[in-house]
Amino acid sequence: MDKEGAGTQPVEAGFAQLEGLTHSRWPPMQKDLAAPVGMGAAKTHRDLVCFQRLGLVAQDRRTAHHDLGPAALKRGLVSPSRLNAVRLALAGAL
């Protein structure tokens, strides 16, 4: 199976929303996450509810803005401890 062709489109779309949260200068609203990836409001809402249940996204109920949740932050903090700078440098990635 071709790695480039194999994938799950809903997972990729959800990841695009998480990327939107990661790169946003401020906590965005749902519509701000849907527009750049061409998703409808209903699909974006379902994904965000799922991400909230998993702790990847948190919503401020007062403003309806979304941000990365505790589970996303935890994964981000663990990542540097697993980084092998020597291996990356040898591979030309740094």
Protein backbone atom coordinates (compact mmCIF):
# COMPACT_ATOMS: atom_id res chain seq x y z
CA MET A 1 0.00 0.00 0.00
CA ASP A 2 1.29 3.45 -0.94
CA LYS A 3 1.99 5.54 2.17
CA GLU A 4 1.20 8.78 0.36
CA GLY A 5 -2.20 7.53 -0.83
CA ALA A 6 -3.28 5.76 2.35
CA GLY A 7 -4.95 7.79 5.04
CA THR A 8 -8.15 8.69 6.75
CA GLN A 9 -9.59 11.96 5.50
CA PRO A 10 -11.59 12.72 8.69
CA VAL A 11 -8.47 12.31 10.81
CA GLU A 12 -6.54 14.61 8.50
CA ALA A 13 -9.33 17.19 8.62
CA GLY A 14 -9.41 17.02 12.43
CA PHE A 15 -5.66 17.45 12.56
CA ALA A 16 -6.01 20.54 10.35
CA GLN A 17 -8.33 22.02 12.98
CA LEU A 18 -5.80 21.29 15.72
CA GLU A 19 -3.13 22.92 13.58
CA GLY A 20 -5.38 25.96 13.31
CA LEU A 21 -5.52 26.12 17.10
CA THR A 22 -1.77 25.69 17.36
CA HIS A 23 -0.91 28.47 14.92
CA SER A 24 -3.58 30.96 15.91
CA ARG A 25 -2.41 34.13 17.65
CA TRP A 26 -5.46 34.03 19.94
CA PRO A 27 -8.07 31.38 20.82
CA PRO A 28 -10.31 31.20 17.72
CA MET A 29 -14.03 30.63 17.39
CA GLN A 30 -15.41 27.54 15.67
CA LYS A 31 -16.03 29.39 12.38
CA ASP A 32 -12.38 30.51 12.34
CA LEU A 33 -11.26 26.87 12.45
CA ALA A 34 -13.71 25.69 9.79
CA ALA A 35 -13.06 28.27 7.08
CA PRO A 36 -9.36 27.63 6.32
CA VAL A 37 -9.91 23.88 5.85
CA GLY A 38 -13.20 24.24 3.96
CA MET A 39 -15.31 22.41 6.53
CA GLY A 40 -18.93 23.03 7.39
CA ALA A 41 -20.05 24.27 10.78
CA ALA A 42 -21.73 20.97 11.75
CA LYS A 43 -18.63 18.86 11.00
CA THR A 44 -16.36 21.30 12.79
CA HIS A 45 -18.68 21.31 15.80
CA ARG A 46 -18.71 17.48 16.01
CA ASP A 47 -14.91 17.35 15.79
CA LEU A 48 -14.47 20.01 18.47
CA VAL A 49 -16.88 18.22 20.82
CA CYS A 50 -14.87 15.03 20.35
CA PHE A 51 -11.58 16.85 20.92
CA GLN A 52 -13.03 18.42 24.07
CA ARG A 53 -13.97 14.97 25.41
CA LEU A 54 -10.40 13.84 24.76
CA GLY A 55 -8.93 16.92 26.44
CA LEU A 56 -7.25 18.09 23.24
CA VAL A 57 -9.41 21.22 23.03
CA ALA A 58 -10.93 23.47 25.67
CA GLN A 59 -13.71 25.99 25.08
CA ASP A 60 -14.29 29.18 27.01
CA ARG A 61 -18.06 28.99 27.53
CA ARG A 62 -18.26 32.75 28.04
CA THR A 63 -16.65 33.74 24.72
CA ALA A 64 -17.11 30.50 22.69
CA HIS A 65 -13.42 30.63 21.78
CA HIS A 66 -11.40 27.42 21.61
CA ASP A 67 -7.84 26.68 22.64
CA LEU A 68 -5.59 23.71 23.13
CA GLY A 69 -6.68 21.61 26.07
CA PRO A 70 -4.70 19.90 28.82
CA ALA A 71 -4.13 16.68 26.86
CA ALA A 72 -2.64 18.63 23.93
CA LEU A 73 -0.41 20.63 26.24
CA LYS A 74 0.77 17.45 27.99
CA ARG A 75 1.75 15.89 24.66
CA GLY A 76 3.60 19.06 23.71
CA LEU A 77 5.58 19.01 26.93
CA VAL A 78 6.54 15.33 26.56
CA SER A 79 7.79 15.74 22.99
CA PRO A 80 11.06 17.62 23.76
CA SER A 81 12.11 14.96 26.24
CA ARG A 82 12.00 12.39 23.43
CA LEU A 83 13.88 14.53 20.94
CA ASN A 84 17.20 13.04 19.92
CA ALA A 85 19.08 16.09 18.61
CA VAL A 86 22.13 14.04 17.58
CA ARG A 87 20.04 11.69 15.45
CA LEU A 88 18.20 14.60 13.86
CA ALA A 89 21.45 16.44 13.15
CA LEU A 90 22.95 13.34 11.52
CA ALA A 91 19.81 12.99 9.41
CA GLY A 92 20.14 16.64 8.32
CA ALA A 93 16.87 17.68 9.95
CA LEU A 94 18.37 20.45 12.12
